[in-house]
């Protein structure tokens, strides 16, 4: 009788363990951006994004995103008079928004309006 109870308990345990499903991974959604004119500046200094240092960011349709694939210093001195930490500029960008970050393929700065 003891063996039957043990076999039955083991069977129930085995069935319940095999019925478990693996957790689903979070869906990553990507939004393509092609030759769109956007604001570009330091995410922390100008767009008030939370970060640890001065990092390049773009504002697309009112939402700011940190940029991957380009560095803030590739466009000159970020802390200069007209640098990204002191002024918001305009740029034409191509890339995609993935996991709340902008993956840049191309960034072309536009002349400032006078």
C-alpha atoms as a PDB file:
ATOM      1  CA  UNK A   1       0.000   0.000   0.000  1.00  0.00           C
ATOM      2  CA  UNK A   2       2.869   2.319   0.848  1.00  0.00           C
ATOM      3  CA  UNK A   3       4.392   1.712  -2.593  1.00  0.00           C
ATOM      4  CA  UNK A   4       1.106   2.516  -4.340  1.00  0.00           C
ATOM      5  CA  UNK A   5       0.764   5.813  -2.486  1.00  0.00           C
ATOM      6  CA  UNK A   6       4.373   6.722  -3.274  1.00  0.00           C
ATOM      7  CA  UNK A   7       3.915   5.816  -6.955  1.00  0.00           C
ATOM      8  CA  UNK A   8       0.703   7.842  -7.116  1.00  0.00           C
ATOM      9  CA  UNK A   9       2.367  10.877  -5.441  1.00  0.00           C
ATOM     10  CA  UNK A  10       5.344  10.626  -7.804  1.00  0.00           C
ATOM     11  CA  UNK A  11       2.998  10.413 -10.809  1.00  0.00           C
ATOM     12  CA  UNK A  12       1.068  13.521  -9.747  1.00  0.00           C
ATOM     13  CA  UNK A  13       4.326  15.381  -9.158  1.00  0.00           C
ATOM     14  CA  UNK A  14       5.719  14.351 -12.575  1.00  0.00           C
ATOM     15  CA  UNK A  15       2.552  15.429 -14.389  1.00  0.00           C
ATOM     16  CA  UNK A  16       2.426  18.816 -12.645  1.00  0.00           C
ATOM     17  CA  UNK A  17       6.132  19.454 -13.289  1.00  0.00           C
ATOM     18  CA  UNK A  18       5.811  18.708 -17.007  1.00  0.00           C
ATOM     19  CA  UNK A  19       2.768  20.962 -17.287  1.00  0.00           C
ATOM     20  CA  UNK A  20       4.825  24.052 -16.428  1.00  0.00           C
ATOM     21  CA  UNK A  21       5.438  26.393 -19.343  1.00  0.00           C
ATOM     22  CA  UNK A  22       8.525  28.483 -19.927  1.00  0.00           C
ATOM     23  CA  UNK A  23       8.088  32.195 -19.269  1.00  0.00           C
ATOM     24  CA  UNK A  24       7.485  34.208 -22.403  1.00  0.00           C
ATOM     25  CA  UNK A  25      10.095  36.734 -23.399  1.00  0.00           C
ATOM     26  CA  UNK A  26       9.023  40.345 -23.618  1.00  0.00           C
ATOM     27  CA  UNK A  27       8.023  41.342 -27.111  1.00  0.00           C
ATOM     28  CA  UNK A  28      10.434  43.721 -28.764  1.00  0.00           C
ATOM     29  CA  UNK A  29       8.748  46.136 -31.047  1.00  0.00           C
ATOM     30  CA  UNK A  30      10.655  48.169 -33.587  1.00  0.00           C
ATOM     31  CA  UNK A  31       9.463  51.342 -35.246  1.00  0.00           C
ATOM     32  CA  UNK A  32      11.298  52.398 -38.407  1.00  0.00           C
ATOM     33  CA  UNK A  33      12.254  56.049 -38.756  1.00  0.00           C
ATOM     34  CA  UNK A  34      13.282  57.195 -42.267  1.00  0.00           C
ATOM     35  CA  UNK A  35      14.705  60.652 -43.006  1.00  0.00           C
ATOM     36  CA  UNK A  36      12.682  62.321 -40.248  1.00  0.00           C
ATOM     37  CA  UNK A  37      13.588  65.789 -38.948  1.00  0.00           C
ATOM     38  CA  UNK A  38      13.881  65.663 -35.152  1.00  0.00           C
ATOM     39  CA  UNK A  39      15.350  67.545 -32.181  1.00  0.00           C
ATOM     40  CA  UNK A  40      18.793  66.324 -31.106  1.00  0.00           C
ATOM     41  CA  UNK A  41      20.726  67.200 -27.937  1.00  0.00           C
ATOM     42  CA  UNK A  42      22.103  65.813 -24.697  1.00  0.00           C
ATOM     43  CA  UNK A  43      19.471  63.568 -23.162  1.00  0.00           C
ATOM     44  CA  UNK A  44      20.293  64.487 -19.581  1.00  0.00           C
ATOM     45  CA  UNK A  45      20.986  68.220 -20.009  1.00  0.00           C
ATOM     46  CA  UNK A  46      18.266  69.184 -22.484  1.00  0.00           C
ATOM     47  CA  UNK A  47      15.612  66.443 -22.526  1.00  0.00           C
ATOM     48  CA  UNK A  48      15.751  65.635 -18.773  1.00  0.00           C
ATOM     49  CA  UNK A  49      16.239  61.889 -19.335  1.00  0.00           C
ATOM     50  CA  UNK A  50      17.669  59.945 -16.427  1.00  0.00           C
ATOM     51  CA  UNK A  51      21.267  58.891 -17.005  1.00  0.00           C
ATOM     52  CA  UNK A  52      24.763  58.914 -15.575  1.00  0.00           C
ATOM     53  CA  UNK A  53      26.599  61.173 -18.031  1.00  0.00           C
ATOM     54  CA  UNK A  54      26.051  63.334 -21.081  1.00  0.00           C
ATOM     55  CA  UNK A  55      24.620  61.074 -23.792  1.00  0.00           C
ATOM     56  CA  UNK A  56      23.169  61.827 -27.209  1.00  0.00           C
ATOM     57  CA  UNK A  57      19.385  61.736 -27.511  1.00  0.00           C
ATOM     58  CA  UNK A  58      16.709  62.577 -30.064  1.00  0.00           C
ATOM     59  CA  UNK A  59      13.140  63.752 -29.563  1.00  0.00           C
ATOM     60  CA  UNK A  60      10.747  62.099 -32.019  1.00  0.00           C
ATOM     61  CA  UNK A  61       7.088  63.107 -31.985  1.00  0.00           C
ATOM     62  CA  UNK A  62       7.476  64.615 -28.508  1.00  0.00           C
ATOM     63  CA  UNK A  63       9.181  61.544 -26.982  1.00  0.00           C
ATOM     64  CA  UNK A  64      12.927  61.565 -26.155  1.00  0.00           C
ATOM     65  CA  UNK A  65      15.116  58.513 -26.746  1.00  0.00           C
ATOM     66  CA  UNK A  66      18.786  57.843 -26.055  1.00  0.00           C
ATOM     67  CA  UNK A  67      20.761  57.125 -29.241  1.00  0.00           C
ATOM     68  CA  UNK A  68      22.727  53.933 -29.885  1.00  0.00           C
ATOM     69  CA  UNK A  69      25.240  53.805 -32.721  1.00  0.00           C
ATOM     70  CA  UNK A  70      26.424  57.422 -32.505  1.00  0.00           C
ATOM     71  CA  UNK A  71      28.336  59.259 -29.782  1.00  0.00           C
ATOM     72  CA  UNK A  72      27.625  62.772 -28.530  1.00  0.00           C
ATOM     73  CA  UNK A  73      31.241  63.795 -29.214  1.00  0.00           C
ATOM     74  CA  UNK A  74      31.080  62.795 -32.890  1.00  0.00           C
ATOM     75  CA  UNK A  75      29.343  66.128 -33.551  1.00  0.00           C
ATOM     76  CA  UNK A  76      31.811  68.454 -31.814  1.00  0.00           C
ATOM     77  CA  UNK A  77      32.278  69.662 -28.247  1.00  0.00           C
ATOM     78  CA  UNK A  78      29.056  68.824 -26.403  1.00  0.00           C
ATOM     79  CA  UNK A  79      29.872  71.436 -23.748  1.00  0.00           C
ATOM     80  CA  UNK A  80      30.736  74.229 -26.214  1.00  0.00           C
ATOM     81  CA  UNK A  81      28.559  77.311 -26.625  1.00  0.00           C
ATOM     82  CA  UNK A  82      26.330  75.637 -29.231  1.00  0.00           C
ATOM     83  CA  UNK A  83      27.046  72.046 -28.148  1.00  0.00           C
ATOM     84  CA  UNK A  84      24.362  69.482 -27.411  1.00  0.00           C
ATOM     85  CA  UNK A  85      24.552  70.052 -23.647  1.00  0.00           C
ATOM     86  CA  UNK A  86      23.785  73.768 -24.097  1.00  0.00           C
ATOM     87  CA  UNK A  87      21.425  73.837 -27.067  1.00  0.00           C
ATOM     88  CA  UNK A  88      18.855  71.715 -28.883  1.00  0.00           C
ATOM     89  CA  UNK A  89      19.627  71.282 -32.592  1.00  0.00           C
ATOM     90  CA  UNK A  90      17.752  69.780 -35.528  1.00  0.00           C
ATOM     91  CA  UNK A  91      18.792  66.703 -37.460  1.00  0.00           C
ATOM     92  CA  UNK A  92      17.492  64.382 -40.134  1.00  0.00           C
ATOM     93  CA  UNK A  93      17.681  60.825 -38.827  1.00  0.00           C
ATOM     94  CA  UNK A  94      17.234  57.300 -40.096  1.00  0.00           C
ATOM     95  CA  UNK A  95      17.083  54.259 -37.844  1.00  0.00           C
ATOM     96  CA  UNK A  96      14.620  52.477 -35.616  1.00  0.00           C
ATOM     97  CA  UNK A  97      13.205  52.691 -32.130  1.00  0.00           C
ATOM     98  CA  UNK A  98      13.808  49.420 -30.275  1.00  0.00           C
ATOM     99  CA  UNK A  99      13.173  48.887 -26.546  1.00  0.00           C
ATOM    100  CA  UNK A 100      12.709  52.627 -25.971  1.00  0.00           C
ATOM    101  CA  UNK A 101      16.085  53.517 -27.582  1.00  0.00           C
ATOM    102  CA  UNK A 102      16.852  54.964 -31.015  1.00  0.00           C
ATOM    103  CA  UNK A 103      19.206  52.727 -33.020  1.00  0.00           C
ATOM    104  CA  UNK A 104      20.785  55.249 -35.405  1.00  0.00           C
ATOM    105  CA  UNK A 105      21.775  54.309 -38.922  1.00  0.00           C
ATOM    106  CA  UNK A 106      22.276  57.898 -40.094  1.00  0.00           C
ATOM    107  CA  UNK A 107      22.227  61.330 -38.446  1.00  0.00           C
ATOM    108  CA  UNK A 108      22.616  64.482 -40.522  1.00  0.00           C
ATOM    109  CA  UNK A 109      22.732  67.769 -38.608  1.00  0.00           C
ATOM    110  CA  UNK A 110      20.692  70.571 -40.145  1.00  0.00           C
ATOM    111  CA  UNK A 111      21.656  74.263 -40.112  1.00  0.00           C
ATOM    112  CA  UNK A 112      20.221  76.286 -37.232  1.00  0.00           C
ATOM    113  CA  UNK A 113      17.435  78.726 -38.024  1.00  0.00           C
ATOM    114  CA  UNK A 114      18.410  82.376 -37.624  1.00  0.00           C
END
